[in-house]
């Protein structure tokens, strides 16, 4: 089972009011195990960068000015996504920006039926707790010490670890049978018959007269042995 965990950075909160996607990071999972395959790109938003957004991700309009437009990388991105299920934290936000950009450049949008929202999973598992990526990484012991600002690929990598924990942890990859099998029947297990072995008599290891004499001579060489102090 192939899934893509992804995260986005944007110029704001609403693609319908002119905010644009400026970064996307994607991490491939197969059977909930990271394969090492990733996709990462920055995009020129063709507009200014509000100070509030730059404070979150650190991406300035100057930095993004020489980056490709989304439409120039859309085909490569869609090839990487394929038809896999897509995992994001507060996924409607990320899907909203991704589909707005795809629609803007004439590409078909991503079906919302492919969406897996890790935020919804976390709220179900931990009602009443904090559900930000930072808070959940702390809860599950995921190291985020290298996360200074938001970054799409870094956050996707953290989210991939979190998603694995939310859906069963690392042990989900430790399977001894094919994925489609759900039970193991006793009839598939063969037990070897015990092998008949000859019974051997016990061997005696009594000391010889010479060994007893050498031992007595050794004891005579010990000054003030403890056993001489014991009452008789």
C-alpha atoms as a PDB file:
ATOM      1  CA  UNK A   1       0.000   0.000   0.000  1.00  0.00           C
ATOM      2  CA  UNK A   2       1.543   3.295  -1.146  1.00  0.00           C
ATOM      3  CA  UNK A   3       0.710   6.557   0.630  1.00  0.00           C
ATOM      4  CA  UNK A   4       2.137  10.061   0.294  1.00  0.00           C
ATOM      5  CA  UNK A   5       2.518  12.264   3.365  1.00  0.00           C
ATOM      6  CA  UNK A   6       2.750  15.915   2.377  1.00  0.00           C
ATOM      7  CA  UNK A   7       2.838  19.441   3.746  1.00  0.00           C
ATOM      8  CA  UNK A   8       2.602  22.899   2.199  1.00  0.00           C
ATOM      9  CA  UNK A   9       3.700  26.433   2.970  1.00  0.00           C
ATOM     10  CA  UNK A  10       1.694  29.378   1.652  1.00  0.00           C
ATOM     11  CA  UNK A  11       1.412  33.150   1.586  1.00  0.00           C
ATOM     12  CA  UNK A  12      -1.685  33.042   3.804  1.00  0.00           C
ATOM     13  CA  UNK A  13      -4.774  31.118   4.774  1.00  0.00           C
ATOM     14  CA  UNK A  14      -7.205  31.379   1.839  1.00  0.00           C
ATOM     15  CA  UNK A  15      -6.414  30.414  -1.765  1.00  0.00           C
ATOM     16  CA  UNK A  16      -9.728  31.891  -2.885  1.00  0.00           C
ATOM     17  CA  UNK A  17      -8.637  35.375  -1.813  1.00  0.00           C
ATOM     18  CA  UNK A  18      -5.333  35.313  -3.695  1.00  0.00           C
ATOM     19  CA  UNK A  19      -3.028  33.428  -1.336  1.00  0.00           C
ATOM     20  CA  UNK A  20      -0.607  31.089  -3.103  1.00  0.00           C
ATOM     21  CA  UNK A  21       1.308  27.901  -2.514  1.00  0.00           C
ATOM     22  CA  UNK A  22       5.058  28.571  -2.125  1.00  0.00           C
ATOM     23  CA  UNK A  23       6.478  25.212  -0.986  1.00  0.00           C
ATOM     24  CA  UNK A  24       5.470  21.558  -0.970  1.00  0.00           C
ATOM     25  CA  UNK A  25       7.198  18.552   0.554  1.00  0.00           C
ATOM     26  CA  UNK A  26       6.148  14.927   0.026  1.00  0.00           C
ATOM     27  CA  UNK A  27       7.338  11.677   1.636  1.00  0.00           C
ATOM     28  CA  UNK A  28       6.542   8.240   0.221  1.00  0.00           C
ATOM     29  CA  UNK A  29       5.374   5.420   2.499  1.00  0.00           C
ATOM     30  CA  UNK A  30       4.868   1.816   1.407  1.00  0.00           C
ATOM     31  CA  UNK A  31       3.031  -0.330   3.947  1.00  0.00           C
ATOM     32  CA  UNK A  32       3.538   2.559   6.404  1.00  0.00           C
ATOM     33  CA  UNK A  33       7.328   2.404   6.046  1.00  0.00           C
ATOM     34  CA  UNK A  34       9.286   5.370   4.580  1.00  0.00           C
ATOM     35  CA  UNK A  35      11.020   4.363   1.358  1.00  0.00           C
ATOM     36  CA  UNK A  36      13.360   7.353   1.223  1.00  0.00           C
ATOM     37  CA  UNK A  37      11.646   8.740  -1.882  1.00  0.00           C
ATOM     38  CA  UNK A  38      10.629  12.400  -1.552  1.00  0.00           C
ATOM     39  CA  UNK A  39       9.457  15.330  -3.632  1.00  0.00           C
ATOM     40  CA  UNK A  40      10.254  18.914  -2.660  1.00  0.00           C
ATOM     41  CA  UNK A  41       9.858  22.211  -4.477  1.00  0.00           C
ATOM     42  CA  UNK A  42       9.642  25.967  -3.876  1.00  0.00           C
ATOM     43  CA  UNK A  43       7.389  28.085  -6.084  1.00  0.00           C
ATOM     44  CA  UNK A  44       7.388  31.725  -7.104  1.00  0.00           C
ATOM     45  CA  UNK A  45       3.957  32.961  -5.943  1.00  0.00           C
ATOM     46  CA  UNK A  46       3.994  35.955  -8.307  1.00  0.00           C
ATOM     47  CA  UNK A  47       2.983  38.225  -5.430  1.00  0.00           C
ATOM     48  CA  UNK A  48       4.313  39.703  -2.195  1.00  0.00           C
ATOM     49  CA  UNK A  49       4.923  37.706   0.993  1.00  0.00           C
ATOM     50  CA  UNK A  50       2.961  38.996   4.004  1.00  0.00           C
ATOM     51  CA  UNK A  51       5.127  39.501   7.095  1.00  0.00           C
ATOM     52  CA  UNK A  52       2.940  37.186   9.190  1.00  0.00           C
ATOM     53  CA  UNK A  53       3.431  34.308   6.750  1.00  0.00           C
ATOM     54  CA  UNK A  54       7.171  34.914   6.420  1.00  0.00           C
ATOM     55  CA  UNK A  55       7.480  34.821  10.214  1.00  0.00           C
ATOM     56  CA  UNK A  56       6.063  31.280  10.171  1.00  0.00           C
ATOM     57  CA  UNK A  57       8.134  29.684   7.386  1.00  0.00           C
ATOM     58  CA  UNK A  58      10.937  32.171   6.745  1.00  0.00           C
ATOM     59  CA  UNK A  59      10.393  32.275   2.972  1.00  0.00           C
ATOM     60  CA  UNK A  60      10.751  35.798   1.610  1.00  0.00           C
ATOM     61  CA  UNK A  61       9.513  37.136  -1.720  1.00  0.00           C
ATOM     62  CA  UNK A  62      13.160  37.770  -2.660  1.00  0.00           C
ATOM     63  CA  UNK A  63      14.113  34.142  -1.951  1.00  0.00           C
ATOM     64  CA  UNK A  64      11.183  32.853  -4.014  1.00  0.00           C
ATOM     65  CA  UNK A  65      11.617  35.292  -6.911  1.00  0.00           C
ATOM     66  CA  UNK A  66      13.872  32.964  -8.942  1.00  0.00           C
ATOM     67  CA  UNK A  67      11.986  29.756  -8.148  1.00  0.00           C
ATOM     68  CA  UNK A  68       9.827  28.019 -10.792  1.00  0.00           C
ATOM     69  CA  UNK A  69       6.145  28.747 -11.146  1.00  0.00           C
ATOM     70  CA  UNK A  70       3.818  26.019  -9.902  1.00  0.00           C
ATOM     71  CA  UNK A  71       2.666  25.191 -13.419  1.00  0.00           C
ATOM     72  CA  UNK A  72       6.242  24.387 -14.433  1.00  0.00           C
ATOM     73  CA  UNK A  73       6.507  21.675 -11.726  1.00  0.00           C
ATOM     74  CA  UNK A  74       2.895  20.463 -11.687  1.00  0.00           C
ATOM     75  CA  UNK A  75       3.497  17.496 -13.978  1.00  0.00           C
ATOM     76  CA  UNK A  76       6.461  16.274 -11.942  1.00  0.00           C
ATOM     77  CA  UNK A  77       4.457  16.641  -8.734  1.00  0.00           C
ATOM     78  CA  UNK A  78       1.450  14.761 -10.123  1.00  0.00           C
ATOM     79  CA  UNK A  79       3.710  11.958 -11.350  1.00  0.00           C
ATOM     80  CA  UNK A  80       5.116  11.579  -7.830  1.00  0.00           C
ATOM     81  CA  UNK A  81       1.663  11.613  -6.201  1.00  0.00           C
ATOM     82  CA  UNK A  82       0.300   9.050  -8.664  1.00  0.00           C
ATOM     83  CA  UNK A  83      -3.031   7.660  -7.492  1.00  0.00           C
ATOM     84  CA  UNK A  84      -1.888   7.131  -3.881  1.00  0.00           C
ATOM     85  CA  UNK A  85      -3.796   8.179  -0.801  1.00  0.00           C
ATOM     86  CA  UNK A  86      -2.543  11.550   0.487  1.00  0.00           C
ATOM     87  CA  UNK A  87      -1.912  12.231   4.177  1.00  0.00           C
ATOM     88  CA  UNK A  88      -1.753  15.746   5.624  1.00  0.00           C
ATOM     89  CA  UNK A  89      -2.305  17.415   9.002  1.00  0.00           C
ATOM     90  CA  UNK A  90      -5.440  19.552   8.817  1.00  0.00           C
ATOM     91  CA  UNK A  91      -5.643  18.132   5.314  1.00  0.00           C
ATOM     92  CA  UNK A  92      -8.438  20.340   3.959  1.00  0.00           C
ATOM     93  CA  UNK A  93      -6.094  23.325   4.186  1.00  0.00           C
ATOM     94  CA  UNK A  94      -3.333  21.615   2.173  1.00  0.00           C
ATOM     95  CA  UNK A  95      -5.780  20.060  -0.308  1.00  0.00           C
ATOM     96  CA  UNK A  96      -7.413  23.455  -0.776  1.00  0.00           C
ATOM     97  CA  UNK A  97      -4.151  25.116  -1.817  1.00  0.00           C
ATOM     98  CA  UNK A  98      -2.958  22.169  -3.906  1.00  0.00           C
ATOM     99  CA  UNK A  99      -6.204  21.980  -5.854  1.00  0.00           C
ATOM    100  CA  UNK A 100      -6.381  25.757  -6.291  1.00  0.00           C
ATOM    101  CA  UNK A 101      -2.934  25.715  -7.911  1.00  0.00           C
ATOM    102  CA  UNK A 102      -3.769  22.715 -10.084  1.00  0.00           C
ATOM    103  CA  UNK A 103      -6.980  24.330 -11.249  1.00  0.00           C
ATOM    104  CA  UNK A 104      -5.199  27.617 -11.937  1.00  0.00           C
ATOM    105  CA  UNK A 105      -2.831  25.953 -14.389  1.00  0.00           C
ATOM    106  CA  UNK A 106      -5.464  23.757 -16.063  1.00  0.00           C
ATOM    107  CA  UNK A 107      -4.718  20.430 -14.389  1.00  0.00           C
ATOM    108  CA  UNK A 108      -7.379  18.127 -12.926  1.00  0.00           C
ATOM    109  CA  UNK A 109      -7.763  18.574  -9.181  1.00  0.00           C
ATOM    110  CA  UNK A 110      -7.008  15.840  -6.650  1.00  0.00           C
ATOM    111  CA  UNK A 111     -10.071  13.872  -5.558  1.00  0.00           C
ATOM    112  CA  UNK A 112     -10.887  14.647  -1.922  1.00  0.00           C
ATOM    113  CA  UNK A 113     -11.688  10.945  -1.489  1.00  0.00           C
ATOM    114  CA  UNK A 114      -7.920  10.362  -1.443  1.00  0.00           C
ATOM    115  CA  UNK A 115      -7.529  12.551   1.642  1.00  0.00           C
ATOM    116  CA  UNK A 116      -6.354  11.164   4.999  1.00  0.00           C
ATOM    117  CA  UNK A 117      -6.369  13.790   7.749  1.00  0.00           C
ATOM    118  CA  UNK A 118      -3.947  12.982  10.573  1.00  0.00           C
ATOM    119  CA  UNK A 119      -5.527  15.767  12.638  1.00  0.00           C
ATOM    120  CA  UNK A 120      -8.867  13.938  12.597  1.00  0.00           C
ATOM    121  CA  UNK A 121      -7.131  10.705  13.635  1.00  0.00           C
ATOM    122  CA  UNK A 122      -5.341  12.479  16.496  1.00  0.00           C
ATOM    123  CA  UNK A 123      -8.551  14.103  17.752  1.00  0.00           C
ATOM    124  CA  UNK A 124     -10.236  10.702  17.808  1.00  0.00           C
ATOM    125  CA  UNK A 125      -7.364   9.071  19.699  1.00  0.00           C
ATOM    126  CA  UNK A 126      -6.701  11.947  22.103  1.00  0.00           C
ATOM    127  CA  UNK A 127      -9.874  13.995  22.675  1.00  0.00           C
ATOM    128  CA  UNK A 128      -9.295  17.185  24.614  1.00  0.00           C
ATOM    129  CA  UNK A 129      -5.510  17.168  24.106  1.00  0.00           C
ATOM    130  CA  UNK A 130      -3.404  19.512  21.987  1.00  0.00           C
ATOM    131  CA  UNK A 131      -3.260  18.347  18.377  1.00  0.00           C
ATOM    132  CA  UNK A 132      -0.645  20.559  16.745  1.00  0.00           C
ATOM    133  CA  UNK A 133       2.239  18.783  15.007  1.00  0.00           C
ATOM    134  CA  UNK A 134       4.612  19.987  17.742  1.00  0.00           C
ATOM    135  CA  UNK A 135       2.365  18.766  20.569  1.00  0.00           C
ATOM    136  CA  UNK A 136       1.806  15.363  18.963  1.00  0.00           C
ATOM    137  CA  UNK A 137       5.516  14.893  18.261  1.00  0.00           C
ATOM    138  CA  UNK A 138       6.125  15.549  21.964  1.00  0.00           C
ATOM    139  CA  UNK A 139       3.426  13.042  22.924  1.00  0.00           C
ATOM    140  CA  UNK A 140       4.941  10.299  20.767  1.00  0.00           C
ATOM    141  CA  UNK A 141       8.584  11.093  21.502  1.00  0.00           C
ATOM    142  CA  UNK A 142       9.430  12.208  17.947  1.00  0.00           C
ATOM    143  CA  UNK A 143      12.559  14.372  17.846  1.00  0.00           C
ATOM    144  CA  UNK A 144      11.790  17.807  16.392  1.00  0.00           C
ATOM    145  CA  UNK A 145      14.790  19.652  17.869  1.00  0.00           C
ATOM    146  CA  UNK A 146      15.979  20.578  14.362  1.00  0.00           C
ATOM    147  CA  UNK A 147      12.676  22.307  13.536  1.00  0.00           C
ATOM    148  CA  UNK A 148      13.291  26.046  13.928  1.00  0.00           C
ATOM    149  CA  UNK A 149      10.632  27.270  11.480  1.00  0.00           C
ATOM    150  CA  UNK A 150       7.970  25.519   9.462  1.00  0.00           C
ATOM    151  CA  UNK A 151       9.325  23.825   6.336  1.00  0.00           C
ATOM    152  CA  UNK A 152       7.241  21.668   4.018  1.00  0.00           C
ATOM    153  CA  UNK A 153       9.639  18.743   3.591  1.00  0.00           C
ATOM    154  CA  UNK A 154      10.787  18.734   7.221  1.00  0.00           C
ATOM    155  CA  UNK A 155       7.203  18.872   8.451  1.00  0.00           C
ATOM    156  CA  UNK A 156       6.206  16.093   6.034  1.00  0.00           C
ATOM    157  CA  UNK A 157       9.016  13.920   7.411  1.00  0.00           C
ATOM    158  CA  UNK A 158       7.874  14.577  10.987  1.00  0.00           C
ATOM    159  CA  UNK A 159       4.269  13.954  10.015  1.00  0.00           C
ATOM    160  CA  UNK A 160       5.223  10.650   8.376  1.00  0.00           C
ATOM    161  CA  UNK A 161       6.696   9.485  11.688  1.00  0.00           C
ATOM    162  CA  UNK A 162       3.642  10.727  13.547  1.00  0.00           C
ATOM    163  CA  UNK A 163       1.210   9.099  11.106  1.00  0.00           C
ATOM    164  CA  UNK A 164       2.972   5.755  11.590  1.00  0.00           C
ATOM    165  CA  UNK A 165       2.540   6.095  15.364  1.00  0.00           C
ATOM    166  CA  UNK A 166      -1.084   7.191  15.083  1.00  0.00           C
ATOM    167  CA  UNK A 167      -1.915   4.156  12.961  1.00  0.00           C
ATOM    168  CA  UNK A 168      -0.225   1.453  14.995  1.00  0.00           C
ATOM    169  CA  UNK A 169       3.455   2.253  15.390  1.00  0.00           C
ATOM    170  CA  UNK A 170       6.513   0.586  13.912  1.00  0.00           C
ATOM    171  CA  UNK A 171       5.296  -2.940  14.647  1.00  0.00           C
ATOM    172  CA  UNK A 172       2.819  -2.724  11.764  1.00  0.00           C
ATOM    173  CA  UNK A 173       5.675  -3.502   9.387  1.00  0.00           C
ATOM    174  CA  UNK A 174       6.738  -6.604  11.302  1.00  0.00           C
ATOM    175  CA  UNK A 175       4.573  -9.216   9.609  1.00  0.00           C
ATOM    176  CA  UNK A 176       5.426 -12.891   9.204  1.00  0.00           C
ATOM    177  CA  UNK A 177       2.789 -13.616   6.563  1.00  0.00           C
ATOM    178  CA  UNK A 178       1.776 -12.095   3.256  1.00  0.00           C
ATOM    179  CA  UNK A 179      -0.196  -8.851   3.572  1.00  0.00           C
ATOM    180  CA  UNK A 180      -3.428 -10.368   2.255  1.00  0.00           C
ATOM    181  CA  UNK A 181      -3.385 -13.129   4.884  1.00  0.00           C
ATOM    182  CA  UNK A 182      -5.164 -12.407   8.139  1.00  0.00           C
ATOM    183  CA  UNK A 183      -4.912 -15.766   9.951  1.00  0.00           C
ATOM    184  CA  UNK A 184      -2.404 -18.549  10.439  1.00  0.00           C
ATOM    185  CA  UNK A 185      -3.802 -22.068  10.647  1.00  0.00           C
ATOM    186  CA  UNK A 186      -2.271 -24.787  12.769  1.00  0.00           C
ATOM    187  CA  UNK A 187      -2.197 -27.114   9.779  1.00  0.00           C
ATOM    188  CA  UNK A 188       0.568 -25.020   8.200  1.00  0.00           C
ATOM    189  CA  UNK A 189       2.932 -25.729  11.109  1.00  0.00           C
ATOM    190  CA  UNK A 190       4.874 -28.996  11.139  1.00  0.00           C
ATOM    191  CA  UNK A 191       6.537 -30.290  14.304  1.00  0.00           C
ATOM    192  CA  UNK A 192       9.460 -32.726  14.023  1.00  0.00           C
ATOM    193  CA  UNK A 193       9.125 -36.053  15.834  1.00  0.00           C
ATOM    194  CA  UNK A 194      11.514 -36.515  18.766  1.00  0.00           C
ATOM    195  CA  UNK A 195      14.653 -38.497  17.936  1.00  0.00           C
ATOM    196  CA  UNK A 196      15.223 -41.666  20.016  1.00  0.00           C
ATOM    197  CA  UNK A 197      18.607 -41.539  21.788  1.00  0.00           C
ATOM    198  CA  UNK A 198      20.357 -44.328  23.784  1.00  0.00           C
ATOM    199  CA  UNK A 199      20.298 -43.997  27.570  1.00  0.00           C
ATOM    200  CA  UNK A 200      23.797 -43.660  28.973  1.00  0.00           C
ATOM    201  CA  UNK A 201      24.614 -44.620  32.592  1.00  0.00           C
ATOM    202  CA  UNK A 202      25.739 -41.880  34.940  1.00  0.00           C
ATOM    203  CA  UNK A 203      29.497 -41.466  35.189  1.00  0.00           C
ATOM    204  CA  UNK A 204      31.199 -41.343  38.627  1.00  0.00           C
ATOM    205  CA  UNK A 205      33.910 -38.801  39.307  1.00  0.00           C
ATOM    206  CA  UNK A 206      35.234 -39.973  42.694  1.00  0.00           C
ATOM    207  CA  UNK A 207      38.758 -38.702  43.571  1.00  0.00           C
ATOM    208  CA  UNK A 208      41.578 -41.207  43.536  1.00  0.00           C
ATOM    209  CA  UNK A 209      43.781 -41.955  46.589  1.00  0.00           C
ATOM    210  CA  UNK A 210      46.578 -39.869  45.062  1.00  0.00           C
ATOM    211  CA  UNK A 211      44.269 -36.888  44.535  1.00  0.00           C
ATOM    212  CA  UNK A 212      43.038 -37.085  48.133  1.00  0.00           C
ATOM    213  CA  UNK A 213      46.645 -37.185  49.406  1.00  0.00           C
ATOM    214  CA  UNK A 214      47.638 -34.128  47.337  1.00  0.00           C
ATOM    215  CA  UNK A 215      44.593 -32.251  48.638  1.00  0.00           C
ATOM    216  CA  UNK A 216      45.469 -33.073  52.268  1.00  0.00           C
ATOM    217  CA  UNK A 217      49.051 -31.908  51.705  1.00  0.00           C
ATOM    218  CA  UNK A 218      47.775 -28.631  50.213  1.00  0.00           C
ATOM    219  CA  UNK A 219      45.532 -27.980  53.233  1.00  0.00           C
ATOM    220  CA  UNK A 220      48.480 -28.496  55.606  1.00  0.00           C
ATOM    221  CA  UNK A 221      50.261 -25.544  53.953  1.00  0.00           C
ATOM    222  CA  UNK A 222      47.478 -23.069  54.874  1.00  0.00           C
ATOM    223  CA  UNK A 223      48.214 -21.018  58.005  1.00  0.00           C
ATOM    224  CA  UNK A 224      45.365 -20.661  60.500  1.00  0.00           C
ATOM    225  CA  UNK A 225      42.620 -22.135  58.309  1.00  0.00           C
ATOM    226  CA  UNK A 226      39.128 -20.903  59.131  1.00  0.00           C
ATOM    227  CA  UNK A 227      37.735 -24.372  59.596  1.00  0.00           C
ATOM    228  CA  UNK A 228      40.055 -24.972  62.584  1.00  0.00           C
ATOM    229  CA  UNK A 229      38.197 -22.194  64.443  1.00  0.00           C
ATOM    230  CA  UNK A 230      34.839 -23.890  64.142  1.00  0.00           C
ATOM    231  CA  UNK A 231      33.559 -25.595  67.325  1.00  0.00           C
ATOM    232  CA  UNK A 232      33.551 -29.350  67.202  1.00  0.00           C
END
